[in-house]
C-alpha atoms as a PDB file:
ATOM      1  CA  UNK A   1      69.841 134.811 117.094  1.00  0.00           C
ATOM      2  CA  UNK A   2      69.795 137.546 114.408  1.00  0.00           C
ATOM      3  CA  UNK A   3      71.729 140.727 115.013  1.00  0.00           C
ATOM      4  CA  UNK A   4      70.074 144.144 114.786  1.00  0.00           C
ATOM      5  CA  UNK A   5      71.300 147.223 112.955  1.00  0.00           C
ATOM      6  CA  UNK A   6      69.145 150.307 113.703  1.00  0.00           C
ATOM      7  CA  UNK A   7      66.239 148.055 114.566  1.00  0.00           C
ATOM      8  CA  UNK A   8      66.444 145.942 111.368  1.00  0.00           C
ATOM      9  CA  UNK A   9      67.568 142.312 111.456  1.00  0.00           C
ATOM     10  CA  UNK A  10      70.586 141.620 109.225  1.00  0.00           C
ATOM     11  CA  UNK A  11      70.935 137.884 109.586  1.00  0.00           C
ATOM     12  CA  UNK A  12      72.447 135.380 111.930  1.00  0.00           C
ATOM     13  CA  UNK A  13      75.466 136.356 113.985  1.00  0.00           C
ATOM     14  CA  UNK A  14      78.747 135.065 112.537  1.00  0.00           C
ATOM     15  CA  UNK A  15      80.245 132.118 114.339  1.00  0.00           C
ATOM     16  CA  UNK A  16      83.906 131.931 115.137  1.00  0.00           C
ATOM     17  CA  UNK A  17      85.434 128.633 114.094  1.00  0.00           C
ATOM     18  CA  UNK A  18      88.602 127.742 115.891  1.00  0.00           C
ATOM     19  CA  UNK A  19      91.293 126.216 113.728  1.00  0.00           C
ATOM     20  CA  UNK A  20      93.069 123.373 115.543  1.00  0.00           C
ATOM     21  CA  UNK A  21      96.623 123.998 116.645  1.00  0.00           C
ATOM     22  CA  UNK A  22      99.385 122.126 114.873  1.00  0.00           C
ATOM     23  CA  UNK A  23     100.817 119.230 116.844  1.00  0.00           C
ATOM     24  CA  UNK A  24     104.328 119.762 118.156  1.00  0.00           C
ATOM     25  CA  UNK A  25     105.634 116.614 116.449  1.00  0.00           C
ATOM     26  CA  UNK A  26     104.433 117.891 113.074  1.00  0.00           C
ATOM     27  CA  UNK A  27     105.999 121.323 113.534  1.00  0.00           C
ATOM     28  CA  UNK A  28     109.275 119.841 114.779  1.00  0.00           C
ATOM     29  CA  UNK A  29     109.333 117.335 111.920  1.00  0.00           C
ATOM     30  CA  UNK A  30     108.995 120.110 109.337  1.00  0.00           C
ATOM     31  CA  UNK A  31     111.610 122.264 111.081  1.00  0.00           C
ATOM     32  CA  UNK A  32     114.058 119.349 111.221  1.00  0.00           C
ATOM     33  CA  UNK A  33     113.375 118.523 107.554  1.00  0.00           C
ATOM     34  CA  UNK A  34     114.127 122.089 106.465  1.00  0.00           C
ATOM     35  CA  UNK A  35     117.244 122.175 108.635  1.00  0.00           C
ATOM     36  CA  UNK A  36     118.345 118.837 107.187  1.00  0.00           C
ATOM     37  CA  UNK A  37     118.315 120.227 103.655  1.00  0.00           C
ATOM     38  CA  UNK A  38     120.090 123.432 104.574  1.00  0.00           C
ATOM     39  CA  UNK A  39     122.723 122.437 107.107  1.00  0.00           C
ATOM     40  CA  UNK A  40     121.851 119.469 109.315  1.00  0.00           C
ATOM     41  CA  UNK A  41     121.984 116.478 107.008  1.00  0.00           C
ATOM     42  CA  UNK A  42     121.526 113.141 108.735  1.00  0.00           C
ATOM     43  CA  UNK A  43     121.582 114.700 112.199  1.00  0.00           C
ATOM     44  CA  UNK A  44     118.244 116.438 111.638  1.00  0.00           C
ATOM     45  CA  UNK A  45     116.933 114.337 108.738  1.00  0.00           C
ATOM     46  CA  UNK A  46     116.465 111.197 110.799  1.00  0.00           C
ATOM     47  CA  UNK A  47     114.548 112.990 113.602  1.00  0.00           C
ATOM     48  CA  UNK A  48     112.376 114.610 110.911  1.00  0.00           C
ATOM     49  CA  UNK A  49     111.468 111.174 109.589  1.00  0.00           C
ATOM     50  CA  UNK A  50     110.789 109.694 113.036  1.00  0.00           C
ATOM     51  CA  UNK A  51     108.692 112.600 114.333  1.00  0.00           C
ATOM     52  CA  UNK A  52     106.846 112.935 111.040  1.00  0.00           C
ATOM     53  CA  UNK A  53     105.858 109.273 111.176  1.00  0.00           C
ATOM     54  CA  UNK A  54     104.688 109.538 114.800  1.00  0.00           C
ATOM     55  CA  UNK A  55     102.670 112.727 114.289  1.00  0.00           C
ATOM     56  CA  UNK A  56      99.665 111.321 112.342  1.00  0.00           C
ATOM     57  CA  UNK A  57      98.873 108.854 115.123  1.00  0.00           C
ATOM     58  CA  UNK A  58      99.130 111.578 117.776  1.00  0.00           C
ATOM     59  CA  UNK A  59      96.927 113.899 115.695  1.00  0.00           C
ATOM     60  CA  UNK A  60      94.313 111.162 115.244  1.00  0.00           C
ATOM     61  CA  UNK A  61      94.354 110.413 118.985  1.00  0.00           C
ATOM     62  CA  UNK A  62      93.752 114.090 119.810  1.00  0.00           C
ATOM     63  CA  UNK A  63      90.173 113.929 118.570  1.00  0.00           C
ATOM     64  CA  UNK A  64      90.422 117.013 116.375  1.00  0.00           C
ATOM     65  CA  UNK A  65      92.254 119.240 118.859  1.00  0.00           C
ATOM     66  CA  UNK A  66      95.450 119.122 116.794  1.00  0.00           C
ATOM     67  CA  UNK A  67      96.200 119.404 113.098  1.00  0.00           C
ATOM     68  CA  UNK A  68      99.393 119.461 111.075  1.00  0.00           C
ATOM     69  CA  UNK A  69      99.250 116.356 108.892  1.00  0.00           C
ATOM     70  CA  UNK A  70     100.683 118.229 105.897  1.00  0.00           C
ATOM     71  CA  UNK A  71     103.564 119.530 108.006  1.00  0.00           C
ATOM     72  CA  UNK A  72     104.338 116.033 109.209  1.00  0.00           C
ATOM     73  CA  UNK A  73     104.262 114.638 105.669  1.00  0.00           C
ATOM     74  CA  UNK A  74     106.592 117.348 104.376  1.00  0.00           C
ATOM     75  CA  UNK A  75     108.957 116.745 107.283  1.00  0.00           C
ATOM     76  CA  UNK A  76     109.163 113.057 106.340  1.00  0.00           C
ATOM     77  CA  UNK A  77     109.667 113.891 102.651  1.00  0.00           C
ATOM     78  CA  UNK A  78     112.432 116.398 103.364  1.00  0.00           C
ATOM     79  CA  UNK A  79     114.056 113.984 105.806  1.00  0.00           C
ATOM     80  CA  UNK A  80     114.096 111.190 103.210  1.00  0.00           C
ATOM     81  CA  UNK A  81     115.596 113.573 100.646  1.00  0.00           C
ATOM     82  CA  UNK A  82     118.323 114.769 103.006  1.00  0.00           C
ATOM     83  CA  UNK A  83     119.609 111.364 104.170  1.00  0.00           C
ATOM     84  CA  UNK A  84     120.814 110.076 100.750  1.00  0.00           C
ATOM     85  CA  UNK A  85     122.079 113.551  99.871  1.00  0.00           C
ATOM     86  CA  UNK A  86     124.234 113.568 102.998  1.00  0.00           C
ATOM     87  CA  UNK A  87     125.586 110.091 102.267  1.00  0.00           C
ATOM     88  CA  UNK A  88     126.392 111.158  98.696  1.00  0.00           C
ATOM     89  CA  UNK A  89     128.199 114.266  99.978  1.00  0.00           C
ATOM     90  CA  UNK A  90     130.302 112.157 102.345  1.00  0.00           C
ATOM     91  CA  UNK A  91     131.246 109.737  99.543  1.00  0.00           C
ATOM     92  CA  UNK A  92     132.192 112.594  97.183  1.00  0.00           C
ATOM     93  CA  UNK A  93     134.252 114.284  99.902  1.00  0.00           C
ATOM     94  CA  UNK A  94     136.032 111.001 100.603  1.00  0.00           C
ATOM     95  CA  UNK A  95     136.969 110.586  96.929  1.00  0.00           C
ATOM     96  CA  UNK A  96     138.139 114.200  96.635  1.00  0.00           C
ATOM     97  CA  UNK A  97     140.386 113.838  99.680  1.00  0.00           C
ATOM     98  CA  UNK A  98     141.781 110.532  98.384  1.00  0.00           C
ATOM     99  CA  UNK A  99     142.436 112.104  94.967  1.00  0.00           C
ATOM    100  CA  UNK A 100     144.405 114.999  96.431  1.00  0.00           C
ATOM    101  CA  UNK A 101     146.366 112.689  98.731  1.00  0.00           C
ATOM    102  CA  UNK A 102     147.302 110.585  95.714  1.00  0.00           C
ATOM    103  CA  UNK A 103     148.228 113.732  93.783  1.00  0.00           C
ATOM    104  CA  UNK A 104     150.453 115.029  96.578  1.00  0.00           C
ATOM    105  CA  UNK A 105     152.213 111.678  96.995  1.00  0.00           C
ATOM    106  CA  UNK A 106     152.947 111.595  93.265  1.00  0.00           C
ATOM    107  CA  UNK A 107     154.434 115.099  93.343  1.00  0.00           C
ATOM    108  CA  UNK A 108     156.580 114.345  96.368  1.00  0.00           C
ATOM    109  CA  UNK A 109     157.885 111.145  94.774  1.00  0.00           C
ATOM    110  CA  UNK A 110     158.930 113.098  91.658  1.00  0.00           C
ATOM    111  CA  UNK A 111     161.049 115.471  93.698  1.00  0.00           C
ATOM    112  CA  UNK A 112     158.839 118.481  93.119  1.00  0.00           C
ATOM    113  CA  UNK A 113     156.933 120.497  95.623  1.00  0.00           C
ATOM    114  CA  UNK A 114     153.187 120.753  95.282  1.00  0.00           C
ATOM    115  CA  UNK A 115     153.160 124.514  95.932  1.00  0.00           C
END
């Protein structure tokens, strides 16, 4: 039905289109993926991957009520980036600790003090 301004029709009334809400799995996947890169590592990277892989099916089953596919995909991507980074950090830390232990043993065997 056209709207009226001072008795003159101005065109059809604008329709409000509701944007679907983002699914909770997608939002949580993205949040876990971001946390995994900043501080969580494997502990939040793996849940980001799992929830991000479950979200598309849940979104499809909702019949258009939920959105968030891009969030879910980014959560999976960030989760997959964080897992090998965390493993690499653990390996590097292990080698650094072993190096300093070896260094301290060598200094103690030579009769010197390390500090």
